Structure formats: structure tokens, C-alpha cells
Amino acid sequence: MYLLKIFIQILIVGLFLYSKLLPNQAKLNPKYRSIFDFFNSIFFTHIQFPKNIHKTFFN
């Protein structure tokens, strides 16, 4: 249970950083770019999924 709380807290911090760094992703140095790419791979699929459903049902 304790590890689950830590994992959720890391995801919350990652989502915050992802939202702040998304407009500036081209300017990131390689060290931070790899961290951003990791969180991008996690959050991008979850953010794009509702958009795809919205397009299929309302077009």
C-alpha cells in the first residue's frame, strides 16, 4: 500500500512537470529530455484516448 502511494505521488508530480514542459519540449537538454519522454509515453496515450473517442462519437 505504501508503494502505491509513492507511485501515485510520482505520477502527480510527473503530470505537473509534463504540463509545464510540454510547450518547451524542443528546448530541453538531453538529460531532462529523457525524463520528459518517459512521462510523455505514459501520459500521451491517456490524454489522446478520450480525444479519439470524442471524435468517433461526435463526427
PDB file of N, CA and C in Angstrom:
ATOM      1  N   MET A   1       0.821  -1.197   0.000  1.00  0.00           N
ATOM      2  CA  MET A   1       0.000   0.000   0.000  1.00  0.00           C
ATOM      3  C   MET A   1       0.868   1.265   0.000  1.00  0.00           C
ATOM      4  N   TYR A   2       1.973   1.182   0.732  1.00  0.00           N
ATOM      5  CA  TYR A   2       2.873   2.324   0.829  1.00  0.00           C
ATOM      6  C   TYR A   2       3.512   2.626  -0.524  1.00  0.00           C
ATOM      7  N   LEU A   3       3.884   1.583  -1.262  1.00  0.00           N
ATOM      8  CA  LEU A   3       4.493   1.781  -2.574  1.00  0.00           C
ATOM      9  C   LEU A   3       3.492   2.356  -3.566  1.00  0.00           C
ATOM     10  N   LEU A   4       2.245   1.996  -3.438  1.00  0.00           N
ATOM     11  CA  LEU A   4       1.209   2.538  -4.319  1.00  0.00           C
ATOM     12  C   LEU A   4       1.055   4.039  -4.105  1.00  0.00           C
ATOM     13  N   LYS A   5       1.102   4.488  -2.866  1.00  0.00           N
ATOM     14  CA  LYS A   5       1.013   5.918  -2.579  1.00  0.00           C
ATOM     15  C   LYS A   5       2.200   6.680  -3.162  1.00  0.00           C
ATOM     16  N   ILE A   6       3.379   6.109  -3.054  1.00  0.00           N
ATOM     17  CA  ILE A   6       4.568   6.751  -3.612  1.00  0.00           C
ATOM     18  C   ILE A   6       4.463   6.813  -5.132  1.00  0.00           C
ATOM     19  N   PHE A   7       4.004   5.734  -5.762  1.00  0.00           N
ATOM     20  CA  PHE A   7       3.846   5.701  -7.205  1.00  0.00           C
ATOM     21  C   PHE A   7       2.841   6.752  -7.670  1.00  0.00           C
ATOM     22  N   ILE A   8       1.742   6.904  -6.970  1.00  0.00           N
ATOM     23  CA  ILE A   8       0.729   7.903  -7.328  1.00  0.00           C
ATOM     24  C   ILE A   8       1.289   9.311  -7.169  1.00  0.00           C
ATOM     25  N   GLN A   9       2.066   9.540  -6.131  1.00  0.00           N
ATOM     26  CA  GLN A   9       2.667  10.860  -5.935  1.00  0.00           C
ATOM     27  C   GLN A   9       3.666  11.183  -7.037  1.00  0.00           C
ATOM     28  N   ILE A  10       4.425  10.193  -7.474  1.00  0.00           N
ATOM     29  CA  ILE A  10       5.362  10.409  -8.583  1.00  0.00           C
ATOM     30  C   ILE A  10       4.601  10.736  -9.854  1.00  0.00           C
ATOM     31  N   LEU A  11       3.481  10.060 -10.101  1.00  0.00           N
ATOM     32  CA  LEU A  11       2.682  10.354 -11.280  1.00  0.00           C
ATOM     33  C   LEU A  11       2.072  11.755 -11.227  1.00  0.00           C
ATOM     34  N   ILE A  12       1.672  12.202 -10.063  1.00  0.00           N
ATOM     35  CA  ILE A  12       1.119  13.552  -9.923  1.00  0.00           C
ATOM     36  C   ILE A  12       2.190  14.597 -10.215  1.00  0.00           C
ATOM     37  N   VAL A  13       3.377  14.420  -9.659  1.00  0.00           N
ATOM     38  CA  VAL A  13       4.475  15.353  -9.918  1.00  0.00           C
ATOM     39  C   VAL A  13       4.861  15.296 -11.391  1.00  0.00           C
ATOM     40  N   GLY A  14       4.882  14.104 -11.962  1.00  0.00           N
ATOM     41  CA  GLY A  14       5.201  13.955 -13.376  1.00  0.00           C
ATOM     42  C   GLY A  14       4.181  14.641 -14.264  1.00  0.00           C
ATOM     43  N   LEU A  15       2.902  14.554 -13.913  1.00  0.00           N
ATOM     44  CA  LEU A  15       1.862  15.224 -14.692  1.00  0.00           C
ATOM     45  C   LEU A  15       2.012  16.737 -14.615  1.00  0.00           C
ATOM     46  N   PHE A  16       2.359  17.246 -13.448  1.00  0.00           N
ATOM     47  CA  PHE A  16       2.596  18.679 -13.302  1.00  0.00           C
ATOM     48  C   PHE A  16       3.769  19.126 -14.175  1.00  0.00           C
ATOM     49  N   LEU A  17       4.880  18.394 -14.092  1.00  0.00           N
ATOM     50  CA  LEU A  17       6.049  18.747 -14.902  1.00  0.00           C
ATOM     51  C   LEU A  17       5.764  18.591 -16.388  1.00  0.00           C
ATOM     52  N   TYR A  18       5.010  17.564 -16.742  1.00  0.00           N
ATOM     53  CA  TYR A  18       4.641  17.347 -18.141  1.00  0.00           C
ATOM     54  C   TYR A  18       3.849  18.534 -18.683  1.00  0.00           C
ATOM     55  N   SER A  19       2.904  19.032 -17.894  1.00  0.00           N
ATOM     56  CA  SER A  19       2.084  20.153 -18.362  1.00  0.00           C
ATOM     57  C   SER A  19       2.905  21.436 -18.484  1.00  0.00           C
ATOM     58  N   LYS A  20       3.902  21.603 -17.636  1.00  0.00           N
ATOM     59  CA  LYS A  20       4.738  22.803 -17.695  1.00  0.00           C
ATOM     60  C   LYS A  20       5.795  22.730 -18.795  1.00  0.00           C
ATOM     61  N   LEU A  21       6.292  21.537 -19.081  1.00  0.00           N
ATOM     62  CA  LEU A  21       7.371  21.398 -20.046  1.00  0.00           C
ATOM     63  C   LEU A  21       6.897  21.114 -21.459  1.00  0.00           C
ATOM     64  N   LEU A  22       5.650  20.785 -21.639  1.00  0.00           N
ATOM     65  CA  LEU A  22       5.147  20.442 -22.965  1.00  0.00           C
ATOM     66  C   LEU A  22       5.353  21.562 -23.987  1.00  0.00           C
ATOM     67  N   PRO A  23       5.073  22.827 -23.672  1.00  0.00           N
ATOM     68  CA  PRO A  23       5.311  23.882 -24.672  1.00  0.00           C
ATOM     69  C   PRO A  23       6.798  24.104 -24.990  1.00  0.00           C
ATOM     70  N   ASN A  24       7.689  23.693 -24.090  1.00  0.00           N
ATOM     71  CA  ASN A  24       9.119  23.951 -24.262  1.00  0.00           C
ATOM     72  C   ASN A  24       9.913  22.679 -24.516  1.00  0.00           C
ATOM     73  N   GLN A  25       9.296  21.645 -25.050  1.00  0.00           N
ATOM     74  CA  GLN A  25       9.997  20.370 -25.170  1.00  0.00           C
ATOM     75  C   GLN A  25      11.164  20.411 -26.150  1.00  0.00           C
ATOM     76  N   ALA A  26      11.145  21.297 -27.119  1.00  0.00           N
ATOM     77  CA  ALA A  26      12.253  21.377 -28.083  1.00  0.00           C
ATOM     78  C   ALA A  26      13.497  22.000 -27.460  1.00  0.00           C
ATOM     79  N   LYS A  27      13.348  22.733 -26.393  1.00  0.00           N
ATOM     80  CA  LYS A  27      14.473  23.427 -25.764  1.00  0.00           C
ATOM     81  C   LYS A  27      15.129  22.644 -24.630  1.00  0.00           C
ATOM     82  N   LEU A  28      14.647  21.448 -24.341  1.00  0.00           N
ATOM     83  CA  LEU A  28      15.180  20.672 -23.221  1.00  0.00           C
ATOM     84  C   LEU A  28      16.535  20.081 -23.564  1.00  0.00           C
ATOM     85  N   ASN A  29      17.424  20.044 -22.559  1.00  0.00           N
ATOM     86  CA  ASN A  29      18.699  19.379 -22.779  1.00  0.00           C
ATOM     87  C   ASN A  29      18.495  17.865 -22.696  1.00  0.00           C
ATOM     88  N   PRO A  30      19.453  17.073 -23.139  1.00  0.00           N
ATOM     89  CA  PRO A  30      19.247  15.614 -23.235  1.00  0.00           C
ATOM     90  C   PRO A  30      18.892  14.933 -21.912  1.00  0.00           C
ATOM     91  N   LYS A  31      19.434  15.424 -20.802  1.00  0.00           N
ATOM     92  CA  LYS A  31      19.138  14.800 -19.510  1.00  0.00           C
ATOM     93  C   LYS A  31      17.652  14.933 -19.184  1.00  0.00           C
ATOM     94  N   TYR A  32      17.123  16.115 -19.313  1.00  0.00           N
ATOM     95  CA  TYR A  32      15.720  16.338 -18.991  1.00  0.00           C
ATOM     96  C   TYR A  32      14.802  15.860 -20.112  1.00  0.00           C
ATOM     97  N   ARG A  33      15.327  15.785 -21.308  1.00  0.00           N
ATOM     98  CA  ARG A  33      14.544  15.291 -22.441  1.00  0.00           C
ATOM     99  C   ARG A  33      14.173  13.820 -22.243  1.00  0.00           C
ATOM    100  N   SER A  34      15.085  13.028 -21.694  1.00  0.00           N
ATOM    101  CA  SER A  34      14.792  11.612 -21.471  1.00  0.00           C
ATOM    102  C   SER A  34      13.725  11.437 -20.392  1.00  0.00           C
ATOM    103  N   ILE A  35      13.764  12.263 -19.362  1.00  0.00           N
ATOM    104  CA  ILE A  35      12.736  12.205 -18.322  1.00  0.00           C
ATOM    105  C   ILE A  35      11.395  12.652 -18.895  1.00  0.00           C
ATOM    106  N   PHE A  36      11.407  13.699 -19.694  1.00  0.00           N
ATOM    107  CA  PHE A  36      10.180  14.172 -20.320  1.00  0.00           C
ATOM    108  C   PHE A  36       9.606  13.119 -21.267  1.00  0.00           C
ATOM    109  N   ASP A  37      10.456  12.457 -22.020  1.00  0.00           N
ATOM    110  CA  ASP A  37       9.982  11.412 -22.939  1.00  0.00           C
ATOM    111  C   ASP A  37       9.355  10.242 -22.185  1.00  0.00           C
ATOM    112  N   PHE A  38       9.901   9.913 -21.014  1.00  0.00           N
ATOM    113  CA  PHE A  38       9.323   8.845 -20.200  1.00  0.00           C
ATOM    114  C   PHE A  38       7.906   9.203 -19.777  1.00  0.00           C
ATOM    115  N   PHE A  39       7.719  10.394 -19.228  1.00  0.00           N
ATOM    116  CA  PHE A  39       6.379  10.803 -18.808  1.00  0.00           C
ATOM    117  C   PHE A  39       5.471  11.053 -20.006  1.00  0.00           C
ATOM    118  N   ASN A  40       6.023  11.466 -21.108  1.00  0.00           N
ATOM    119  CA  ASN A  40       5.240  11.660 -22.322  1.00  0.00           C
ATOM    120  C   ASN A  40       4.673  10.326 -22.802  1.00  0.00           C
ATOM    121  N   SER A  41       5.471   9.269 -22.722  1.00  0.00           N
ATOM    122  CA  SER A  41       4.979   7.958 -23.139  1.00  0.00           C
ATOM    123  C   SER A  41       3.857   7.466 -22.233  1.00  0.00           C
ATOM    124  N   ILE A  42       3.889   7.838 -20.966  1.00  0.00           N
ATOM    125  CA  ILE A  42       2.825   7.433 -20.040  1.00  0.00           C
ATOM    126  C   ILE A  42       1.570   8.269 -20.256  1.00  0.00           C
ATOM    127  N   PHE A  43       1.713   9.588 -20.278  1.00  0.00           N
ATOM    128  CA  PHE A  43       0.546  10.467 -20.281  1.00  0.00           C
ATOM    129  C   PHE A  43      -0.063  10.677 -21.656  1.00  0.00           C
ATOM    130  N   PHE A  44       0.726  10.585 -22.715  1.00  0.00           N
ATOM    131  CA  PHE A  44       0.209  10.882 -24.047  1.00  0.00           C
ATOM    132  C   PHE A  44      -0.909   9.916 -24.446  1.00  0.00           C
ATOM    133  N   THR A  45      -0.733   8.645 -24.142  1.00  0.00           N
ATOM    134  CA  THR A  45      -1.769   7.675 -24.511  1.00  0.00           C
ATOM    135  C   THR A  45      -3.050   7.906 -23.729  1.00  0.00           C
ATOM    136  N   HIS A  46      -2.917   8.290 -22.472  1.00  0.00           N
ATOM    137  CA  HIS A  46      -4.107   8.525 -21.650  1.00  0.00           C
ATOM    138  C   HIS A  46      -4.791   9.848 -21.986  1.00  0.00           C
ATOM    139  N   ILE A  47      -4.045  10.795 -22.510  1.00  0.00           N
ATOM    140  CA  ILE A  47      -4.644  12.072 -22.900  1.00  0.00           C
ATOM    141  C   ILE A  47      -5.278  11.959 -24.282  1.00  0.00           C
ATOM    142  N   GLN A  48      -4.658  11.216 -25.178  1.00  0.00           N
ATOM    143  CA  GLN A  48      -5.183  11.079 -26.532  1.00  0.00           C
ATOM    144  C   GLN A  48      -6.405  10.166 -26.604  1.00  0.00           C
ATOM    145  N   PHE A  49      -6.526   9.199 -25.715  1.00  0.00           N
ATOM    146  CA  PHE A  49      -7.632   8.240 -25.771  1.00  0.00           C
ATOM    147  C   PHE A  49      -8.998   8.910 -25.690  1.00  0.00           C
ATOM    148  N   PRO A  50      -9.267   9.817 -24.752  1.00  0.00           N
ATOM    149  CA  PRO A  50     -10.582  10.482 -24.748  1.00  0.00           C
ATOM    150  C   PRO A  50     -10.822  11.349 -25.978  1.00  0.00           C
ATOM    151  N   LYS A  51      -9.766  11.935 -26.524  1.00  0.00           N
ATOM    152  CA  LYS A  51      -9.935  12.755 -27.726  1.00  0.00           C
ATOM    153  C   LYS A  51     -10.363  11.888 -28.901  1.00  0.00           C
ATOM    154  N   ASN A  52      -9.792  10.686 -29.002  1.00  0.00           N
ATOM    155  CA  ASN A  52     -10.162   9.780 -30.087  1.00  0.00           C
ATOM    156  C   ASN A  52     -11.602   9.301 -29.948  1.00  0.00           C
ATOM    157  N   ILE A  53     -12.033   9.029 -28.745  1.00  0.00           N
ATOM    158  CA  ILE A  53     -13.421   8.610 -28.527  1.00  0.00           C
ATOM    159  C   ILE A  53     -14.361   9.758 -28.865  1.00  0.00           C
ATOM    160  N   HIS A  54     -13.996  10.957 -28.468  1.00  0.00           N
ATOM    161  CA  HIS A  54     -14.819  12.117 -28.736  1.00  0.00           C
ATOM    162  C   HIS A  54     -14.996  12.314 -30.235  1.00  0.00           C
ATOM    163  N   LYS A  55     -13.948  12.134 -31.016  1.00  0.00           N
ATOM    164  CA  LYS A  55     -14.027  12.303 -32.461  1.00  0.00           C
ATOM    165  C   LYS A  55     -14.898  11.229 -33.103  1.00  0.00           C
ATOM    166  N   THR A  56     -14.825  10.006 -32.620  1.00  0.00           N
ATOM    167  CA  THR A  56     -15.593   8.941 -33.256  1.00  0.00           C
ATOM    168  C   THR A  56     -17.086   9.053 -32.977  1.00  0.00           C
ATOM    169  N   PHE A  57     -17.455   9.494 -31.790  1.00  0.00           N
ATOM    170  CA  PHE A  57     -18.867   9.565 -31.445  1.00  0.00           C
ATOM    171  C   PHE A  57     -19.543  10.836 -31.908  1.00  0.00           C
ATOM    172  N   PHE A  58     -18.804  11.910 -32.071  1.00  0.00           N
ATOM    173  CA  PHE A  58     -19.429  13.188 -32.373  1.00  0.00           C
ATOM    174  C   PHE A  58     -19.116  13.716 -33.769  1.00  0.00           C
ATOM    175  N   ASN A  59     -18.582  12.912 -34.644  1.00  0.00           N
ATOM    176  CA  ASN A  59     -18.348  13.348 -36.028  1.00  0.00           C
ATOM    177  C   ASN A  59     -19.458  12.935 -36.907  1.00  0.00           C
TER     178      ASN A  59
END
